[in-house]
């Protein structure tokens, strides 16, 4: 992935852009992100697609 599109630890992409959500949703979105990353690595999950 190019550096411009790589996500930083703060959730921003490149110089601008990023994830701008209410603070109350940050934990839920972090949980969704973790589940997505885990599912991407799961061969059984991919086989079901």
Protein backbone atom coordinates (compact mmCIF):
# COMPACT_ATOMS: atom_id res chain seq x y z
CA UNK A 1 0.00 0.00 0.00
CA UNK A 2 1.35 3.37 -0.82
CA UNK A 3 2.34 5.63 2.01
CA UNK A 4 -0.31 8.13 1.01
CA UNK A 5 -3.09 5.59 1.59
CA UNK A 6 -1.58 3.84 4.60
CA UNK A 7 -3.54 4.42 7.76
CA UNK A 8 -1.68 6.04 10.61
CA UNK A 9 -2.15 5.11 14.25
CA UNK A 10 -4.37 8.16 14.72
CA UNK A 11 -6.85 6.96 12.08
CA UNK A 12 -5.97 9.51 9.39
CA UNK A 13 -5.12 8.73 5.78
CA UNK A 14 -2.49 10.90 4.19
CA UNK A 15 -2.32 14.53 5.15
CA UNK A 16 -6.07 15.07 5.44
CA UNK A 17 -9.03 12.69 5.42
CA UNK A 18 -9.63 9.94 7.91
CA UNK A 19 -12.24 8.78 10.32
CA UNK A 20 -14.28 11.62 11.73
CA UNK A 21 -16.96 10.22 14.01
CA UNK A 22 -18.44 11.18 17.36
CA UNK A 23 -16.19 10.14 20.24
CA UNK A 24 -18.93 7.81 21.50
CA UNK A 25 -18.57 5.67 18.35
CA UNK A 26 -14.78 5.30 18.35
CA UNK A 27 -14.74 2.15 20.53
CA UNK A 28 -17.43 0.48 18.42
CA UNK A 29 -15.60 1.28 15.18
CA UNK A 30 -12.35 -0.03 16.64
CA UNK A 31 -14.15 -3.28 17.45
CA UNK A 32 -15.52 -3.52 13.90
CA UNK A 33 -12.03 -2.89 12.53
CA UNK A 34 -10.54 -5.68 14.68
CA UNK A 35 -13.26 -8.11 13.57
CA UNK A 36 -12.69 -7.20 9.91
CA UNK A 37 -8.93 -7.72 10.16
CA UNK A 38 -9.49 -11.08 11.87
CA UNK A 39 -12.04 -12.18 9.25
CA UNK A 40 -9.66 -11.25 6.42
CA UNK A 41 -7.14 -13.74 7.80
CA UNK A 42 -9.66 -16.54 8.47
CA UNK A 43 -9.59 -19.17 5.70
CA UNK A 44 -12.86 -20.74 6.82
CA UNK A 45 -14.59 -17.38 6.64
CA UNK A 46 -13.21 -16.76 3.15
CA UNK A 47 -14.38 -20.20 2.03
CA UNK A 48 -17.95 -19.30 3.05
CA UNK A 49 -17.94 -16.23 0.85
